Structures are given as C-alpha cells and as structure tokens.
C-alpha cells in the first residue's frame, strides 16, 4: 500500500486573527521549529530484527544532526531560520509513531495542519521512517549508512510537511518527479539514500521568502 504524506489546510481564519497586510512577505526571517519528542527513538520490531540492537546515544545524535541538516539545506536560500522551539511559526515534531486515522489501515509518514497567517503544525512517525529506510537500504549497507538514511528520511519528510504549512492549498504534490521534495509518497529509495530537489513548489516559496 502506498502510504502518502497527509496534509490539511484551513482556508478560513477569523478576521480578528488576521495578520496585517504584507507581514507574510516581511524581509525578516520566519522561524521553523523542528524537534524530537522524548522517547521517539524506538525502533519497531521489524527494524530491530535487522539492526539487532536499539539505537545508541551517538546514533540518536547522528539522526538529529542529519535530519536538521536536510531541513536547513532545503530552505537555505529563503528567509527562514530553523530552531528547536515549539513556539516557532511553523512546527514539526518527531513522534514515536503517528495514529492510524479514520479510513486508513496504516499510519502516514507525516502530517500537517496549515494555519495560514497563524503558521502551521505537523508531526512525523519515527517508526514509519525507520522501517522505510531499512526497506530501501542498498544491499550490504552498513549500520551507520542505515542510521544516516533514517535521519535523511526524517528530515525530508519534515521538508515536505513544512512546504504544506507554508504554501497551504497552493503546495500541491508533484508525483511526476519522484526525486522531488514535492513527491507525494516517501516510499522511494531517494527519500533515504539519494538526492532530492525542489520543482513546482520552489517558485512559490521563493516568491514569499526569497533572499
């Protein structure tokens, strides 16, 4: 089953909460919060059977570093700063797992709620990304390579969710180019072990927050 990213957009906001005209295109950097919930670094049983032991403290640190680097690189040409603050304008947290929503048999990799002038909020399921990184690992891949793949996958899911939060309804998927950040599913090798690039969303992102 193709387990896609999930996003939801709020298109109506109370006028009393609306920001002044032009604030969204301010020259000031806007904050992007990304952090790991306590207890999120738990490998599912299928992953444990391959890696044989839980993640070490150093491996958890590596996953955090790799995932944050992916986010910083994806938005490096925009007036956006990446922090660990839950109070940031846009927010994505990494949880141990995401719940199975109504109408689903399996959870998604990530999900977001775009709040327009109020920013946005989202989450990523660590267990889902870890399993996919193992599934797409090249034959004979080292443990370190797989751990880096987990971090890379989490960072790229976060980039996708931040895109939806920033662009709202305009931030659609590009299912033609599977090596794009905009691709609608994380079930692909390049999500974890290849290179990704912007396509359809980039002109919109640059228009809002370009240098």
C-alpha atoms as a PDB file:
ATOM      1  CA  UNK A   1       0.000   0.000   0.000  1.00  0.00           C
ATOM      2  CA  UNK A   2       1.242   3.448  -0.856  1.00  0.00           C
ATOM      3  CA  UNK A   3       1.431   5.377   2.410  1.00  0.00           C
ATOM      4  CA  UNK A   4       1.456   9.032   1.449  1.00  0.00           C
ATOM      5  CA  UNK A   5       2.102  12.220   3.323  1.00  0.00           C
ATOM      6  CA  UNK A   6      -1.031  13.783   4.733  1.00  0.00           C
ATOM      7  CA  UNK A   7      -1.815  17.456   4.887  1.00  0.00           C
ATOM      8  CA  UNK A   8      -4.819  19.565   5.734  1.00  0.00           C
ATOM      9  CA  UNK A   9      -5.328  23.250   5.067  1.00  0.00           C
ATOM     10  CA  UNK A  10      -7.507  25.739   6.928  1.00  0.00           C
ATOM     11  CA  UNK A  11      -8.721  28.271   4.369  1.00  0.00           C
ATOM     12  CA  UNK A  12     -10.830  30.461   6.649  1.00  0.00           C
ATOM     13  CA  UNK A  13      -9.409  32.303   9.655  1.00  0.00           C
ATOM     14  CA  UNK A  14     -11.277  34.743  11.879  1.00  0.00           C
ATOM     15  CA  UNK A  15     -10.661  38.291  10.720  1.00  0.00           C
ATOM     16  CA  UNK A  16      -9.661  39.262  14.235  1.00  0.00           C
ATOM     17  CA  UNK A  17      -6.710  36.898  13.981  1.00  0.00           C
ATOM     18  CA  UNK A  18      -5.561  38.004  10.545  1.00  0.00           C
ATOM     19  CA  UNK A  19      -2.070  39.480  10.298  1.00  0.00           C
ATOM     20  CA  UNK A  20      -1.526  42.936   8.818  1.00  0.00           C
ATOM     21  CA  UNK A  21      -1.106  43.050   5.043  1.00  0.00           C
ATOM     22  CA  UNK A  22       2.468  42.472   3.945  1.00  0.00           C
ATOM     23  CA  UNK A  23       3.657  40.750   7.127  1.00  0.00           C
ATOM     24  CA  UNK A  24       3.857  37.346   5.416  1.00  0.00           C
ATOM     25  CA  UNK A  25       6.304  38.848   2.908  1.00  0.00           C
ATOM     26  CA  UNK A  26       8.329  40.728   5.520  1.00  0.00           C
ATOM     27  CA  UNK A  27      12.091  40.887   4.994  1.00  0.00           C
ATOM     28  CA  UNK A  28      12.575  39.431   8.491  1.00  0.00           C
ATOM     29  CA  UNK A  29      13.358  35.698   8.773  1.00  0.00           C
ATOM     30  CA  UNK A  30      10.487  33.479   9.892  1.00  0.00           C
ATOM     31  CA  UNK A  31      11.071  30.658  12.361  1.00  0.00           C
ATOM     32  CA  UNK A  32      10.690  26.948  11.629  1.00  0.00           C
ATOM     33  CA  UNK A  33      10.624  24.662  14.683  1.00  0.00           C
ATOM     34  CA  UNK A  34      11.792  21.044  14.413  1.00  0.00           C
ATOM     35  CA  UNK A  35      12.386  18.743  17.372  1.00  0.00           C
ATOM     36  CA  UNK A  36      12.185  15.160  18.639  1.00  0.00           C
ATOM     37  CA  UNK A  37       9.722  14.202  21.335  1.00  0.00           C
ATOM     38  CA  UNK A  38      11.210  12.398  24.308  1.00  0.00           C
ATOM     39  CA  UNK A  39      11.061   8.650  23.723  1.00  0.00           C
ATOM     40  CA  UNK A  40      10.666   8.908  19.954  1.00  0.00           C
ATOM     41  CA  UNK A  41      13.834   6.918  19.113  1.00  0.00           C
ATOM     42  CA  UNK A  42      12.231   3.488  19.390  1.00  0.00           C
ATOM     43  CA  UNK A  43      12.849   1.011  16.577  1.00  0.00           C
ATOM     44  CA  UNK A  44       9.862  -1.133  15.590  1.00  0.00           C
ATOM     45  CA  UNK A  45      10.218  -4.908  15.918  1.00  0.00           C
ATOM     46  CA  UNK A  46      10.918  -5.430  12.205  1.00  0.00           C
ATOM     47  CA  UNK A  47      13.770  -2.922  12.344  1.00  0.00           C
ATOM     48  CA  UNK A  48      15.212  -4.498  15.484  1.00  0.00           C
ATOM     49  CA  UNK A  49      15.361  -7.864  13.732  1.00  0.00           C
ATOM     50  CA  UNK A  50      17.694  -6.287  11.135  1.00  0.00           C
ATOM     51  CA  UNK A  51      19.772  -3.916  13.251  1.00  0.00           C
ATOM     52  CA  UNK A  52      19.868  -6.390  16.181  1.00  0.00           C
ATOM     53  CA  UNK A  53      20.089  -3.770  18.926  1.00  0.00           C
ATOM     54  CA  UNK A  54      18.500  -0.447  19.919  1.00  0.00           C
ATOM     55  CA  UNK A  55      19.917   2.832  18.701  1.00  0.00           C
ATOM     56  CA  UNK A  56      22.836   4.127  20.737  1.00  0.00           C
ATOM     57  CA  UNK A  57      23.071   7.652  22.117  1.00  0.00           C
ATOM     58  CA  UNK A  58      25.606   8.521  19.402  1.00  0.00           C
ATOM     59  CA  UNK A  59      23.293   7.160  16.684  1.00  0.00           C
ATOM     60  CA  UNK A  60      20.381   9.211  18.006  1.00  0.00           C
ATOM     61  CA  UNK A  61      22.599  12.283  17.919  1.00  0.00           C
ATOM     62  CA  UNK A  62      23.614  11.465  14.346  1.00  0.00           C
ATOM     63  CA  UNK A  63      19.971  11.105  13.254  1.00  0.00           C
ATOM     64  CA  UNK A  64      19.173  14.501  14.771  1.00  0.00           C
ATOM     65  CA  UNK A  65      22.135  16.129  13.031  1.00  0.00           C
ATOM     66  CA  UNK A  66      21.421  14.595   9.625  1.00  0.00           C
ATOM     67  CA  UNK A  67      17.701  15.403   9.723  1.00  0.00           C
ATOM     68  CA  UNK A  68      18.244  19.023  10.741  1.00  0.00           C
ATOM     69  CA  UNK A  69      20.917  19.470   8.071  1.00  0.00           C
ATOM     70  CA  UNK A  70      18.452  18.257   5.438  1.00  0.00           C
ATOM     71  CA  UNK A  71      15.926  20.900   6.506  1.00  0.00           C
ATOM     72  CA  UNK A  72      18.497  23.687   6.649  1.00  0.00           C
ATOM     73  CA  UNK A  73      19.800  22.823   3.184  1.00  0.00           C
ATOM     74  CA  UNK A  74      16.329  22.648   1.634  1.00  0.00           C
ATOM     75  CA  UNK A  75      15.399  26.134   2.869  1.00  0.00           C
ATOM     76  CA  UNK A  76      18.887  27.698   2.851  1.00  0.00           C
ATOM     77  CA  UNK A  77      18.041  30.199   0.107  1.00  0.00           C
ATOM     78  CA  UNK A  78      14.969  31.513   1.920  1.00  0.00           C
ATOM     79  CA  UNK A  79      14.492  33.916   4.828  1.00  0.00           C
ATOM     80  CA  UNK A  80      13.722  31.055   7.205  1.00  0.00           C
ATOM     81  CA  UNK A  81      15.576  30.063  10.373  1.00  0.00           C
ATOM     82  CA  UNK A  82      15.456  26.522  11.774  1.00  0.00           C
ATOM     83  CA  UNK A  83      15.186  26.173  15.555  1.00  0.00           C
ATOM     84  CA  UNK A  84      14.057  23.574  18.107  1.00  0.00           C
ATOM     85  CA  UNK A  85      11.427  25.913  19.559  1.00  0.00           C
ATOM     86  CA  UNK A  86       7.867  24.535  19.829  1.00  0.00           C
ATOM     87  CA  UNK A  87       6.716  28.162  19.665  1.00  0.00           C
ATOM     88  CA  UNK A  88       8.102  28.692  16.135  1.00  0.00           C
ATOM     89  CA  UNK A  89       5.783  29.932  13.393  1.00  0.00           C
ATOM     90  CA  UNK A  90       5.810  26.558  11.622  1.00  0.00           C
ATOM     91  CA  UNK A  91       6.339  23.426  13.692  1.00  0.00           C
ATOM     92  CA  UNK A  92       7.087  19.755  13.065  1.00  0.00           C
ATOM     93  CA  UNK A  93       7.818  17.305  15.861  1.00  0.00           C
ATOM     94  CA  UNK A  94       9.060  13.750  15.525  1.00  0.00           C
ATOM     95  CA  UNK A  95       6.968  11.263  17.490  1.00  0.00           C
ATOM     96  CA  UNK A  96       7.489   7.578  18.142  1.00  0.00           C
ATOM     97  CA  UNK A  97       4.556   6.875  15.827  1.00  0.00           C
ATOM     98  CA  UNK A  98       1.519   8.546  14.278  1.00  0.00           C
ATOM     99  CA  UNK A  99      -2.026   7.308  14.887  1.00  0.00           C
ATOM    100  CA  UNK A 100      -3.999   5.496  12.213  1.00  0.00           C
ATOM    101  CA  UNK A 101      -6.588   7.998  11.018  1.00  0.00           C
ATOM    102  CA  UNK A 102     -10.144   7.226  10.023  1.00  0.00           C
ATOM    103  CA  UNK A 103     -10.251   5.466   6.666  1.00  0.00           C
ATOM    104  CA  UNK A 104      -6.637   4.265   6.909  1.00  0.00           C
ATOM    105  CA  UNK A 105      -5.219   0.806   7.505  1.00  0.00           C
ATOM    106  CA  UNK A 106      -1.740   2.116   8.235  1.00  0.00           C
ATOM    107  CA  UNK A 107      -0.358   5.441   9.535  1.00  0.00           C
ATOM    108  CA  UNK A 108       1.305   8.057   7.351  1.00  0.00           C
ATOM    109  CA  UNK A 109       4.938   9.135   7.443  1.00  0.00           C
ATOM    110  CA  UNK A 110       3.991  12.717   8.246  1.00  0.00           C
ATOM    111  CA  UNK A 111       1.011  15.008   8.545  1.00  0.00           C
ATOM    112  CA  UNK A 112       0.423  18.738   8.838  1.00  0.00           C
ATOM    113  CA  UNK A 113      -2.207  21.336   9.533  1.00  0.00           C
ATOM    114  CA  UNK A 114      -1.674  24.625   7.693  1.00  0.00           C
ATOM    115  CA  UNK A 115      -2.987  27.610   9.669  1.00  0.00           C
ATOM    116  CA  UNK A 116      -2.367  30.379   7.151  1.00  0.00           C
ATOM    117  CA  UNK A 117      -1.328  33.597   8.929  1.00  0.00           C
ATOM    118  CA  UNK A 118      -1.048  31.629  12.171  1.00  0.00           C
ATOM    119  CA  UNK A 119       1.675  29.340  10.845  1.00  0.00           C
ATOM    120  CA  UNK A 120       1.273  25.585  10.941  1.00  0.00           C
ATOM    121  CA  UNK A 121       1.838  22.413  12.916  1.00  0.00           C
ATOM    122  CA  UNK A 122       2.783  18.862  11.982  1.00  0.00           C
ATOM    123  CA  UNK A 123       4.326  15.582  13.084  1.00  0.00           C
ATOM    124  CA  UNK A 124       6.384  12.658  11.788  1.00  0.00           C
ATOM    125  CA  UNK A 125       6.256   8.990  12.797  1.00  0.00           C
ATOM    126  CA  UNK A 126       9.774   7.797  13.635  1.00  0.00           C
ATOM    127  CA  UNK A 127       8.839   4.119  13.358  1.00  0.00           C
ATOM    128  CA  UNK A 128       7.476   4.511   9.837  1.00  0.00           C
ATOM    129  CA  UNK A 129      10.593   6.274   8.558  1.00  0.00           C
ATOM    130  CA  UNK A 130      12.927   3.771  10.224  1.00  0.00           C
ATOM    131  CA  UNK A 131      11.170   0.838   8.542  1.00  0.00           C
ATOM    132  CA  UNK A 132      11.253   2.519   5.132  1.00  0.00           C
ATOM    133  CA  UNK A 133      14.952   3.359   5.494  1.00  0.00           C
ATOM    134  CA  UNK A 134      15.631  -0.315   6.161  1.00  0.00           C
ATOM    135  CA  UNK A 135      13.409  -1.427   3.295  1.00  0.00           C
ATOM    136  CA  UNK A 136      15.209   0.775   0.750  1.00  0.00           C
ATOM    137  CA  UNK A 137      18.729   0.292   2.114  1.00  0.00           C
ATOM    138  CA  UNK A 138      21.220  -0.794  -0.563  1.00  0.00           C
ATOM    139  CA  UNK A 139      22.343  -4.413  -0.342  1.00  0.00           C
ATOM    140  CA  UNK A 140      25.158  -4.735   2.158  1.00  0.00           C
ATOM    141  CA  UNK A 141      24.598  -1.256   3.628  1.00  0.00           C
ATOM    142  CA  UNK A 142      26.396  -0.674   6.922  1.00  0.00           C
ATOM    143  CA  UNK A 143      24.548   0.094  10.129  1.00  0.00           C
ATOM    144  CA  UNK A 144      25.838   3.678  10.020  1.00  0.00           C
ATOM    145  CA  UNK A 145      24.554   4.105   6.459  1.00  0.00           C
ATOM    146  CA  UNK A 146      21.102   2.936   7.527  1.00  0.00           C
ATOM    147  CA  UNK A 147      21.127   5.227  10.568  1.00  0.00           C
ATOM    148  CA  UNK A 148      22.030   8.144   8.303  1.00  0.00           C
ATOM    149  CA  UNK A 149      19.242   7.046   5.958  1.00  0.00           C
ATOM    150  CA  UNK A 150      16.769   7.273   8.837  1.00  0.00           C
ATOM    151  CA  UNK A 151      17.929  10.809   9.626  1.00  0.00           C
ATOM    152  CA  UNK A 152      17.823  11.798   5.967  1.00  0.00           C
ATOM    153  CA  UNK A 153      14.330  10.372   5.576  1.00  0.00           C
ATOM    154  CA  UNK A 154      13.006  12.173   8.641  1.00  0.00           C
ATOM    155  CA  UNK A 155      14.500  15.477   7.512  1.00  0.00           C
ATOM    156  CA  UNK A 156      12.962  15.148   4.065  1.00  0.00           C
ATOM    157  CA  UNK A 157       9.538  14.248   5.426  1.00  0.00           C
ATOM    158  CA  UNK A 158       9.822  17.390   7.562  1.00  0.00           C
ATOM    159  CA  UNK A 159      10.721  19.475   4.496  1.00  0.00           C
ATOM    160  CA  UNK A 160       7.615  18.144   2.737  1.00  0.00           C
ATOM    161  CA  UNK A 161       5.387  18.944   5.721  1.00  0.00           C
ATOM    162  CA  UNK A 162       6.847  22.435   6.129  1.00  0.00           C
ATOM    163  CA  UNK A 163       6.121  23.022   2.431  1.00  0.00           C
ATOM    164  CA  UNK A 164       2.460  22.244   3.016  1.00  0.00           C
ATOM    165  CA  UNK A 165       2.334  24.527   6.053  1.00  0.00           C
ATOM    166  CA  UNK A 166       3.974  27.438   4.234  1.00  0.00           C
ATOM    167  CA  UNK A 167       2.023  27.199   0.973  1.00  0.00           C
ATOM    168  CA  UNK A 168      -1.282  25.807   2.206  1.00  0.00           C
ATOM    169  CA  UNK A 169      -3.593  24.760  -0.604  1.00  0.00           C
ATOM    170  CA  UNK A 170      -1.056  26.002  -3.170  1.00  0.00           C
ATOM    171  CA  UNK A 171       1.520  23.467  -2.004  1.00  0.00           C
ATOM    172  CA  UNK A 172       0.398  20.504  -4.081  1.00  0.00           C
ATOM    173  CA  UNK A 173       2.287  17.307  -4.835  1.00  0.00           C
ATOM    174  CA  UNK A 174       4.437  16.621  -7.862  1.00  0.00           C
ATOM    175  CA  UNK A 175       4.066  12.902  -8.491  1.00  0.00           C
ATOM    176  CA  UNK A 176       5.856  13.100 -11.835  1.00  0.00           C
ATOM    177  CA  UNK A 177       9.331  13.614 -10.368  1.00  0.00           C
ATOM    178  CA  UNK A 178       9.964  11.038  -7.640  1.00  0.00           C
ATOM    179  CA  UNK A 179      13.228  12.757  -6.735  1.00  0.00           C
ATOM    180  CA  UNK A 180      11.480  15.973  -5.728  1.00  0.00           C
ATOM    181  CA  UNK A 181      10.597  17.225  -2.259  1.00  0.00           C
ATOM    182  CA  UNK A 182       7.058  17.651  -3.556  1.00  0.00           C
ATOM    183  CA  UNK A 183       6.579  13.958  -4.387  1.00  0.00           C
ATOM    184  CA  UNK A 184       3.502  12.643  -2.590  1.00  0.00           C
ATOM    185  CA  UNK A 185       4.915   9.447  -1.074  1.00  0.00           C
ATOM    186  CA  UNK A 186       8.021   8.617   0.989  1.00  0.00           C
ATOM    187  CA  UNK A 187       8.109   5.110  -0.477  1.00  0.00           C
ATOM    188  CA  UNK A 188      11.161   5.537  -2.733  1.00  0.00           C
ATOM    189  CA  UNK A 189      14.869   4.911  -2.428  1.00  0.00           C
ATOM    190  CA  UNK A 190      15.909   8.535  -2.995  1.00  0.00           C
ATOM    191  CA  UNK A 191      13.972   9.641   0.092  1.00  0.00           C
ATOM    192  CA  UNK A 192      16.639   7.937   2.205  1.00  0.00           C
ATOM    193  CA  UNK A 193      19.718   7.345   0.050  1.00  0.00           C
ATOM    194  CA  UNK A 194      19.559   9.677  -2.948  1.00  0.00           C
ATOM    195  CA  UNK A 195      19.361  13.379  -3.739  1.00  0.00           C
ATOM    196  CA  UNK A 196      16.161  15.430  -3.744  1.00  0.00           C
ATOM    197  CA  UNK A 197      15.436  18.823  -5.297  1.00  0.00           C
ATOM    198  CA  UNK A 198      12.640  21.379  -5.483  1.00  0.00           C
ATOM    199  CA  UNK A 199      10.361  21.586  -8.518  1.00  0.00           C
ATOM    200  CA  UNK A 200       6.847  23.057  -8.597  1.00  0.00           C
ATOM    201  CA  UNK A 201       6.839  24.499  -5.070  1.00  0.00           C
ATOM    202  CA  UNK A 202      10.104  26.400  -5.342  1.00  0.00           C
ATOM    203  CA  UNK A 203       8.834  29.450  -7.308  1.00  0.00           C
ATOM    204  CA  UNK A 204       6.058  29.889  -4.730  1.00  0.00           C
ATOM    205  CA  UNK A 205       8.413  29.520  -1.781  1.00  0.00           C
ATOM    206  CA  UNK A 206      10.913  31.920  -3.319  1.00  0.00           C
ATOM    207  CA  UNK A 207       8.212  34.469  -4.049  1.00  0.00           C
ATOM    208  CA  UNK A 208       7.227  34.507  -0.367  1.00  0.00           C
ATOM    209  CA  UNK A 209      10.598  34.211   1.343  1.00  0.00           C
ATOM    210  CA  UNK A 210      13.355  34.577  -1.231  1.00  0.00           C
ATOM    211  CA  UNK A 211      16.525  36.424  -0.246  1.00  0.00           C
END
